Amino acid sequence: MKRRDFLKTSVLATAALAGTPFAAETKKEKPLVRAYRALGKTGLKMSDISLGTGGLPSPSMVLRAIDRGINYMDTAPDYGSSEEYIGGAMKKIQRDKVIITTKFCTPYNYPNHLQLGRKKKDYIQALEDSLSRMKTDHVDFCFVHAIGESDKNMEKEKKRLLHEEMLSAVEELKKAGKMRFLGVSSHGPDNMEDLLLTAVRSGHFDLIMPAFNFMKFPRMPDVLKEANEKGIAVVAMKTLAGAKDMKIEGKGEEFEPAALKWTLSHGEISGLVISIKSISQLDLYLSASGQKFTAADQRILDRYARRFGKEYCRTGCNQCETSCPQGVAIASTLRFQMYFRDYGMEKKALQSYARLERKADKCRTCEPKSCSGACPFGLPVSALLRDAHEELSFTV
């Protein structure tokens, strides 16, 4: 066998791309995907732990994930170079063995989803550009991206969700074989549950992707139940509740697998996507695949909640923002700080914060601190915002 042929058929190829000695990965058994779940009525099955590509470091991470059994990849044009990295891996991927999802947006600083008012041709061009970057002729899902993030007006966001120009573009793209199914993603902060229910009841969507974790809100189970009853797939994101570093010592006491198992313990969930940027993260997250959520896992989550419950701004909640006399984008500011501090996405966080119209610099002199009193979870919102502004500002 020629050396180049050997590399194409061996896992050594992915090790070589990453520049990591293959021997380092063979010292112990590598965690693999152990469960696949149906994606609603689509006829597809996804790995319960799947690849989120925010901060994707290289094409080799795509190949490593697939080698471990991950078959679902979630990307977007505004996730850095992730679409190009998927394209770099495509020559080694058997296309019909993987599920690729992307979003209707453009490849600039996050968030850059297509807004209400864009034309049919804009949606078609956005997806065709994604296909070109990913070196594939079709995607399995394309999403209306980040519904409830850019506009507090729910009726306006509903119009974006069901925009006739978008739906017409989807119909044409499906007929051309360039996309198979339509999805919608939301982590709020505004009207997440109501907007997702609108999508579920519209009859146009095959998949919803909400933020969902063990520190979430009481209305989300209703959304999951109705989606499940209608055969609409649910893929969870933001499953680590802020991804704070708990530093728990002791074998089997890691926080992340417990959090992932909690999410997957809900039968309505088809699977979850989580950003994977290193082999150590791949090993850690896959250790939760196919595993039952236990009482020991619950104790770990309880400890996490006690430690970080007064620091974590719940993704999807925006109840305090109306109390701010300065109109600061509270939820977005604290989410961008989470990207900076806990997700390791410093550049994305800084750029996204810089684009906000109303930043938290106004919190330095604001009295009284009414936002803190309005938080249903008792967070010291004003103090958190001042800290976030210092961390996310380009000033020194």
Protein backbone atom coordinates (compact mmCIF):
# COMPACT_ATOMS: atom_id res chain seq x y z
CA MET A 1 0.00 0.00 0.00
CA LYS A 2 1.30 3.43 -0.92
CA ARG A 3 1.93 5.82 1.96
CA ARG A 4 -0.60 8.39 0.74
CA ASP A 5 -3.30 5.71 0.48
CA PHE A 6 -2.50 4.51 3.97
CA LEU A 7 -2.88 8.01 5.34
CA LYS A 8 -6.29 8.35 3.73
CA THR A 9 -7.64 5.26 5.43
CA SER A 10 -5.98 5.52 8.81
CA VAL A 11 -6.71 7.58 11.88
CA LEU A 12 -3.04 8.55 11.66
CA ALA A 13 -4.14 11.12 9.12
CA THR A 14 -6.00 13.12 11.71
CA ALA A 15 -3.13 12.85 14.15
CA ALA A 16 -0.76 14.14 11.52
CA LEU A 17 -3.00 17.11 10.71
CA ALA A 18 -3.08 18.13 14.35
CA GLY A 19 0.64 17.73 14.83
CA THR A 20 0.09 15.48 17.83
CA PRO A 21 1.94 12.16 18.17
CA PHE A 22 -0.56 9.36 17.58
CA ALA A 23 1.05 7.31 20.33
CA ALA A 24 -0.20 9.83 22.88
CA GLU A 25 -3.79 8.90 22.04
CA THR A 26 -3.30 5.15 22.26
CA LYS A 27 -2.18 4.98 25.89
CA LYS A 28 -5.77 4.50 27.01
CA GLU A 29 -9.06 3.65 25.37
CA LYS A 30 -10.59 6.66 23.65
CA PRO A 31 -14.19 7.59 24.52
CA LEU A 32 -16.57 7.05 21.59
CA VAL A 33 -20.14 7.95 20.72
CA ARG A 34 -22.35 5.28 22.26
CA ALA A 35 -25.82 6.48 21.28
CA TYR A 36 -27.60 7.89 18.23
CA ARG A 37 -31.04 9.46 18.36
CA ALA A 38 -33.72 10.21 15.78
CA LEU A 39 -33.98 13.77 14.50
CA GLY A 40 -37.75 14.09 14.62
CA LYS A 41 -39.47 12.94 11.44
CA THR A 42 -36.50 13.58 9.15
CA GLY A 43 -35.36 9.95 9.04
CA LEU A 44 -31.90 10.99 10.24
CA LYS A 45 -30.15 9.94 13.44
CA MET A 46 -27.54 12.09 15.17
CA SER A 47 -24.84 11.31 17.69
CA ASP A 48 -26.07 12.34 21.13
CA ILE A 49 -22.88 14.37 21.66
CA SER A 50 -22.15 16.40 18.54
CA LEU A 51 -19.69 18.93 17.20
CA GLY A 52 -20.34 22.62 17.73
CA THR A 53 -17.79 24.54 15.69
CA GLY A 54 -17.56 27.85 17.53
CA GLY A 55 -13.82 28.27 17.96
CA LEU A 56 -13.02 25.22 15.82
CA PRO A 57 -9.20 25.11 15.68
CA SER A 58 -8.52 23.13 12.49
CA PRO A 59 -9.85 20.63 9.93
CA SER A 60 -8.23 17.86 11.94
CA MET A 61 -10.66 18.37 14.84
CA VAL A 62 -13.52 17.63 12.45
CA LEU A 63 -11.81 14.40 11.42
CA ARG A 64 -11.05 13.41 14.98
CA ALA A 65 -14.68 13.95 15.98
CA ILE A 66 -15.91 11.80 13.10
CA ASP A 67 -13.35 9.12 13.95
CA ARG A 68 -14.93 8.94 17.43
CA GLY A 69 -18.44 8.49 16.00
CA ILE A 70 -19.72 12.08 15.93
CA ASN A 71 -21.84 12.47 12.80
CA TYR A 72 -23.52 15.88 13.33
CA MET A 73 -21.73 19.21 12.80
CA ASP A 74 -23.23 22.60 13.63
CA THR A 75 -21.60 25.61 12.00
CA ALA A 76 -22.35 29.10 10.67
CA PRO A 77 -20.65 31.68 8.44
CA ASP A 78 -20.06 33.93 11.46
CA TYR A 79 -18.30 31.20 13.48
CA GLY A 80 -14.84 32.31 12.48
CA SER A 81 -13.21 29.93 9.98
CA SER A 82 -15.30 26.90 10.89
CA GLU A 83 -16.96 26.50 7.48
CA GLU A 84 -13.58 26.67 5.77
CA TYR A 85 -12.19 24.08 8.19
CA ILE A 86 -15.08 21.75 7.43
CA GLY A 87 -14.30 22.30 3.76
CA GLY A 88 -10.69 21.37 4.45
CA ALA A 89 -11.83 18.08 5.96
CA MET A 90 -14.42 17.22 3.30
CA LYS A 91 -12.02 15.37 1.00
CA LYS A 92 -11.65 12.76 3.77
CA ILE A 93 -15.34 12.64 4.75
CA GLN A 94 -17.95 10.27 3.33
CA ARG A 95 -20.65 12.89 2.81
CA ASP A 96 -23.68 10.65 3.32
CA LYS A 97 -22.35 9.55 6.72
CA VAL A 98 -22.44 13.02 8.28
CA ILE A 99 -25.12 15.62 9.02
CA ILE A 100 -24.04 19.19 8.30
CA THR A 101 -25.99 22.21 9.51
CA THR A 102 -25.34 25.90 8.93
CA LYS A 103 -27.18 29.22 9.24
CA PHE A 104 -28.58 31.95 7.02
CA CYS A 105 -25.97 34.62 7.72
CA THR A 106 -22.82 36.24 6.36
CA PRO A 107 -19.18 35.60 7.31
CA TYR A 108 -18.40 38.64 9.38
CA ASN A 109 -18.24 39.43 13.07
CA TYR A 110 -20.87 37.62 15.14
CA PRO A 111 -23.83 38.05 15.14
CA ASN A 112 -24.49 38.58 11.44
CA HIS A 113 -27.68 36.67 10.70
CA LEU A 114 -29.87 37.85 7.85
CA GLN A 115 -32.31 40.42 9.12
CA LEU A 116 -35.93 41.03 8.22
CA GLY A 117 -36.10 42.82 4.89
CA ARG A 118 -33.51 40.74 3.08
CA LYS A 119 -34.57 39.35 -0.27
CA LYS A 120 -34.94 35.80 -1.52
CA LYS A 121 -31.72 36.11 -3.47
CA ASP A 122 -29.84 37.05 -0.28
CA TYR A 123 -30.87 33.82 1.44
CA ILE A 124 -29.96 31.76 -1.60
CA GLN A 125 -26.61 33.49 -1.95
CA ALA A 126 -25.82 33.07 1.75
CA LEU A 127 -26.30 29.31 1.57
CA GLU A 128 -24.48 28.94 -1.74
CA ASP A 129 -21.52 30.79 -0.24
CA SER A 130 -21.58 28.39 2.72
CA LEU A 131 -21.62 25.39 0.38
CA SER A 132 -18.63 26.80 -1.46
CA ARG A 133 -16.67 27.29 1.77
CA MET A 134 -17.54 23.78 3.00
CA LYS A 135 -16.78 22.09 -0.32
CA THR A 136 -20.12 20.28 -0.42
CA ASP A 137 -23.16 20.38 -2.67
CA HIS A 138 -25.78 20.42 0.10
CA VAL A 139 -26.44 20.86 3.79
CA ASP A 140 -28.87 18.75 5.77
CA PHE A 141 -30.24 21.71 7.77
CA CYS A 142 -30.08 25.46 7.35
CA PHE A 143 -31.24 27.62 10.25
CA VAL A 144 -32.95 30.92 10.77
CA HIS A 145 -30.20 32.08 13.09
CA ALA A 146 -30.38 33.45 16.65
CA ILE A 147 -34.05 34.36 16.73
CA GLY A 148 -34.80 36.67 19.65
CA GLU A 149 -31.31 38.16 19.81
CA SER A 150 -31.29 41.27 17.67
CA ASP A 151 -34.75 42.72 18.27
CA LYS A 152 -36.83 42.97 21.44
CA ASN A 153 -39.99 43.35 19.36
CA MET A 154 -41.45 39.84 19.30
CA GLU A 155 -43.82 40.55 16.43
CA LYS A 156 -40.95 41.78 14.29
CA GLU A 157 -38.90 38.69 15.11
CA LYS A 158 -41.90 36.48 14.27
CA LYS A 159 -41.95 38.15 10.87
CA ARG A 160 -38.26 37.32 10.42
CA LEU A 161 -38.97 33.75 11.49
CA LEU A 162 -41.73 33.35 8.88
CA HIS A 163 -40.42 35.80 6.29
CA GLU A 164 -41.94 35.01 2.88
CA GLU A 165 -38.68 35.80 1.09
CA MET A 166 -36.85 33.29 3.32
CA LEU A 167 -39.49 30.58 2.93
CA SER A 168 -39.52 31.03 -0.84
CA ALA A 169 -35.73 30.73 -0.89
CA VAL A 170 -35.93 27.55 1.21
CA GLU A 171 -38.40 26.02 -1.24
CA GLU A 172 -36.12 26.78 -4.18
CA LEU A 173 -33.00 25.53 -2.36
CA LYS A 174 -34.76 22.29 -1.44
CA LYS A 175 -35.87 21.72 -5.04
CA ALA A 176 -32.28 22.29 -6.16
CA GLY A 177 -31.04 19.71 -3.63
CA LYS A 178 -28.91 22.28 -1.80
CA MET A 179 -30.65 21.92 1.57
CA ARG A 180 -32.89 19.23 3.00
CA PHE A 181 -34.53 20.66 6.13
CA LEU A 182 -35.20 23.99 7.87
CA GLY A 183 -34.27 24.76 11.47
CA VAL A 184 -34.27 27.67 13.90
CA SER A 185 -31.86 28.49 16.73
CA SER A 186 -32.39 30.69 19.79
CA HIS A 187 -30.61 31.51 23.01
CA GLY A 188 -32.72 34.63 23.47
CA PRO A 189 -32.35 36.83 25.36
CA ASP A 190 -35.80 37.97 24.26
CA ASN A 191 -38.92 35.82 23.87
CA MET A 192 -37.06 32.57 23.24
CA GLU A 193 -39.86 30.20 24.25
CA ASP A 194 -42.62 32.12 22.44
CA LEU A 195 -40.63 32.39 19.24
CA LEU A 196 -39.71 28.71 19.27
CA LEU A 197 -43.36 27.78 19.84
CA THR A 198 -44.25 29.95 16.84
CA ALA A 199 -41.76 27.96 14.77
CA VAL A 200 -43.09 24.63 16.08
CA ARG A 201 -46.71 25.55 15.29
CA SER A 202 -45.98 27.09 11.88
CA GLY A 203 -45.46 23.80 10.06
CA HIS A 204 -42.37 25.13 8.28
CA PHE A 205 -39.60 23.92 10.61
CA ASP A 206 -38.07 20.46 11.09
CA LEU A 207 -35.73 21.26 13.97
CA ILE A 208 -35.39 23.75 16.80
CA MET A 209 -32.16 24.45 18.68
CA PRO A 210 -32.73 26.18 22.04
CA ALA A 211 -30.42 26.94 24.91
CA PHE A 212 -31.18 24.23 27.48
CA ASN A 213 -29.37 23.26 30.65
CA PHE A 214 -29.95 22.32 34.28
CA MET A 215 -30.17 25.99 35.30
CA LYS A 216 -32.88 26.82 32.78
CA PHE A 217 -36.45 28.02 33.03
CA PRO A 218 -39.81 26.39 33.65
CA ARG A 219 -41.38 27.13 30.24
CA MET A 220 -38.86 25.24 28.12
CA PRO A 221 -40.28 21.76 28.90
CA ASP A 222 -43.57 22.87 27.32
CA VAL A 223 -41.71 23.83 24.14
CA LEU A 224 -39.91 20.49 24.07
CA LYS A 225 -43.14 18.55 24.61
CA GLU A 226 -45.01 20.28 21.81
CA ALA A 227 -42.08 19.93 19.40
CA ASN A 228 -41.87 16.23 20.22
CA GLU A 229 -45.61 15.74 19.68
CA LYS A 230 -45.32 17.28 16.21
CA GLY A 231 -42.24 15.24 15.26
CA ILE A 232 -39.91 18.24 15.28
CA ALA A 233 -36.36 17.51 16.34
CA VAL A 234 -34.80 19.33 19.31
CA VAL A 235 -31.04 19.84 19.50
CA ALA A 236 -29.79 21.52 22.67
CA MET A 237 -27.02 24.12 23.02
CA LYS A 238 -25.54 26.14 25.89
CA THR A 239 -25.71 22.96 27.94
CA LEU A 240 -22.89 23.79 30.39
CA ALA A 241 -24.71 26.65 32.17
CA GLY A 242 -21.90 29.12 31.71
CA ALA A 243 -19.09 26.55 31.50
CA LYS A 244 -17.47 27.78 34.70
CA ASP A 245 -14.32 25.99 35.86
CA MET A 246 -15.41 24.01 38.90
CA LYS A 247 -12.04 22.33 39.54
CA ILE A 248 -13.60 19.31 41.20
CA GLU A 249 -10.99 16.81 42.29
CA GLY A 250 -11.41 13.06 42.22
CA LYS A 251 -11.96 10.44 39.54
CA GLY A 252 -15.31 10.69 37.82
CA GLU A 253 -16.15 14.02 39.44
CA GLU A 254 -15.94 16.27 36.38
CA PHE A 255 -18.78 18.75 36.05
CA GLU A 256 -19.18 18.70 32.26
CA PRO A 257 -20.28 15.06 31.79
CA ALA A 258 -22.87 15.48 34.54
CA ALA A 259 -24.31 18.56 32.82
CA LEU A 260 -24.43 16.84 29.43
CA LYS A 261 -26.07 13.74 30.86
CA TRP A 262 -28.73 15.93 32.51
CA THR A 263 -29.64 17.44 29.15
CA LEU A 264 -29.69 14.07 27.41
CA SER A 265 -31.86 12.58 30.15
CA HIS A 266 -34.80 14.43 28.56
CA GLY A 267 -36.36 12.12 26.02
CA GLU A 268 -37.46 14.99 23.75
CA ILE A 269 -33.83 15.91 23.07
CA SER A 270 -32.35 14.43 19.88
CA GLY A 271 -28.84 15.41 20.91
CA LEU A 272 -26.67 18.35 21.87
CA VAL A 273 -23.99 20.41 20.21
CA ILE A 274 -20.98 21.61 22.15
CA SER A 275 -17.89 23.44 20.96
CA ILE A 276 -14.92 21.09 20.87
CA LYS A 277 -11.52 22.73 20.53
CA SER A 278 -9.11 20.11 21.88
CA ILE A 279 -8.61 16.37 22.26
CA SER A 280 -9.04 16.68 26.02
CA GLN A 281 -12.48 18.27 25.51
CA LEU A 282 -13.39 15.58 22.99
CA ASP A 283 -12.49 12.89 25.54
CA LEU A 284 -14.32 14.63 28.37
CA TYR A 285 -17.57 15.32 26.54
CA LEU A 286 -17.79 11.92 24.87
CA SER A 287 -17.53 10.26 28.26
CA ALA A 288 -21.19 11.31 28.70
CA SER A 289 -22.40 9.65 25.50
CA GLY A 290 -25.01 6.97 26.07
CA GLN A 291 -24.69 7.25 29.84
CA LYS A 292 -27.49 7.53 32.39
CA PHE A 293 -27.88 10.57 34.60
CA THR A 294 -27.29 9.46 38.20
CA ALA A 295 -27.74 10.73 41.73
CA ALA A 296 -23.99 11.35 41.84
CA ASP A 297 -24.33 13.55 38.75
CA GLN A 298 -27.11 15.52 40.45
CA ARG A 299 -24.90 16.15 43.47
CA ILE A 300 -22.22 17.58 41.18
CA LEU A 301 -24.75 19.89 39.53
CA ASP A 302 -26.04 20.99 42.92
CA ARG A 303 -22.50 21.93 43.93
CA TYR A 304 -22.07 23.87 40.69
CA ALA A 305 -25.33 25.73 41.26
CA ARG A 306 -24.32 26.66 44.81
CA ARG A 307 -20.93 27.89 43.61
CA PHE A 308 -22.01 29.82 40.50
CA GLY A 309 -25.72 30.44 40.90
CA LYS A 310 -25.12 34.11 41.75
CA GLU A 311 -22.67 34.60 38.86
CA TYR A 312 -24.28 32.85 35.90
CA CYS A 313 -26.65 35.06 33.88
CA ARG A 314 -29.18 32.52 32.65
CA THR A 315 -29.03 32.27 28.88
CA GLY A 316 -32.42 33.20 27.49
CA CYS A 317 -33.52 35.32 30.44
CA ASN A 318 -33.90 39.07 30.04
CA GLN A 319 -36.24 39.99 32.86
CA CYS A 320 -33.99 42.64 34.41
CA GLU A 321 -33.31 44.62 31.24
CA THR A 322 -36.54 46.64 31.28
CA SER A 323 -35.52 48.02 34.69
CA CYS A 324 -32.35 49.62 33.29
CA PRO A 325 -32.87 53.38 32.81
CA GLN A 326 -29.92 53.48 30.39
CA GLY A 327 -31.15 50.66 28.15
CA VAL A 328 -27.95 48.63 28.55
CA ALA A 329 -27.99 45.29 26.68
CA ILE A 330 -27.59 43.36 29.93
CA ALA A 331 -28.09 39.78 28.77
CA SER A 332 -25.95 40.16 25.65
CA THR A 333 -23.16 41.88 27.60
CA LEU A 334 -22.97 39.09 30.17
CA ARG A 335 -23.20 36.40 27.46
CA PHE A 336 -20.28 37.97 25.60
CA GLN A 337 -18.32 37.99 28.85
CA MET A 338 -19.09 34.28 29.18
CA TYR A 339 -17.65 33.73 25.70
CA PHE A 340 -14.54 35.70 26.70
CA ARG A 341 -13.92 34.27 30.15
CA ASP A 342 -15.32 30.74 30.07
CA TYR A 343 -15.51 29.69 26.41
CA GLY A 344 -12.05 30.88 25.34
CA MET A 345 -13.56 32.93 22.48
CA GLU A 346 -11.86 36.22 23.31
CA LYS A 347 -11.83 37.74 19.84
CA LYS A 348 -15.48 36.93 19.16
CA ALA A 349 -16.49 38.35 22.54
CA LEU A 350 -14.58 41.62 22.11
CA GLN A 351 -15.87 42.19 18.59
CA SER A 352 -19.45 41.37 19.53
CA TYR A 353 -19.40 43.68 22.55
CA ALA A 354 -17.90 46.50 20.49
CA ARG A 355 -20.93 46.34 18.18
CA LEU A 356 -23.49 46.84 20.95
CA GLU A 357 -25.15 50.24 20.85
CA ARG A 358 -25.65 50.54 24.62
CA LYS A 359 -22.69 49.27 26.59
CA ALA A 360 -22.18 48.83 30.30
CA ASP A 361 -19.91 51.86 30.74
CA LYS A 362 -23.10 53.65 31.84
CA CYS A 363 -23.25 51.34 34.88
CA ARG A 364 -20.29 53.12 36.52
CA THR A 365 -22.41 56.10 37.54
CA CYS A 366 -25.93 54.69 37.49
CA GLU A 367 -27.93 55.05 40.71
CA PRO A 368 -29.93 53.35 42.01
CA LYS A 369 -28.92 49.86 40.87
CA SER A 370 -32.48 48.84 39.99
CA CYS A 371 -31.33 46.08 37.63
CA SER A 372 -29.95 43.99 40.48
CA GLY A 373 -33.26 44.06 42.31
CA ALA A 374 -35.07 42.97 39.15
CA CYS A 375 -33.02 39.79 38.60
CA PRO A 376 -35.21 36.78 39.43
CA PHE A 377 -32.11 34.80 40.40
CA GLY A 378 -30.62 37.37 42.74
CA LEU A 379 -27.55 38.22 40.68
CA PRO A 380 -25.65 41.44 41.49
CA VAL A 381 -26.30 42.64 37.96
CA SER A 382 -24.79 46.11 38.24
CA ALA A 383 -21.50 44.80 39.63
CA LEU A 384 -21.35 42.05 37.01
CA LEU A 385 -21.92 44.58 34.23
CA ARG A 386 -19.17 46.91 35.43
CA ASP A 387 -16.78 43.98 35.56
CA ALA A 388 -17.85 42.82 32.09
CA HIS A 389 -17.30 46.27 30.60
CA GLU A 390 -13.74 46.40 31.92
CA GLU A 391 -13.03 42.93 30.55
CA LEU A 392 -14.64 43.42 27.13
CA SER A 393 -13.49 46.94 26.34
CA PHE A 394 -10.54 47.64 24.09
CA THR A 395 -9.42 50.46 26.37
CA VAL A 396 -6.49 49.96 28.73
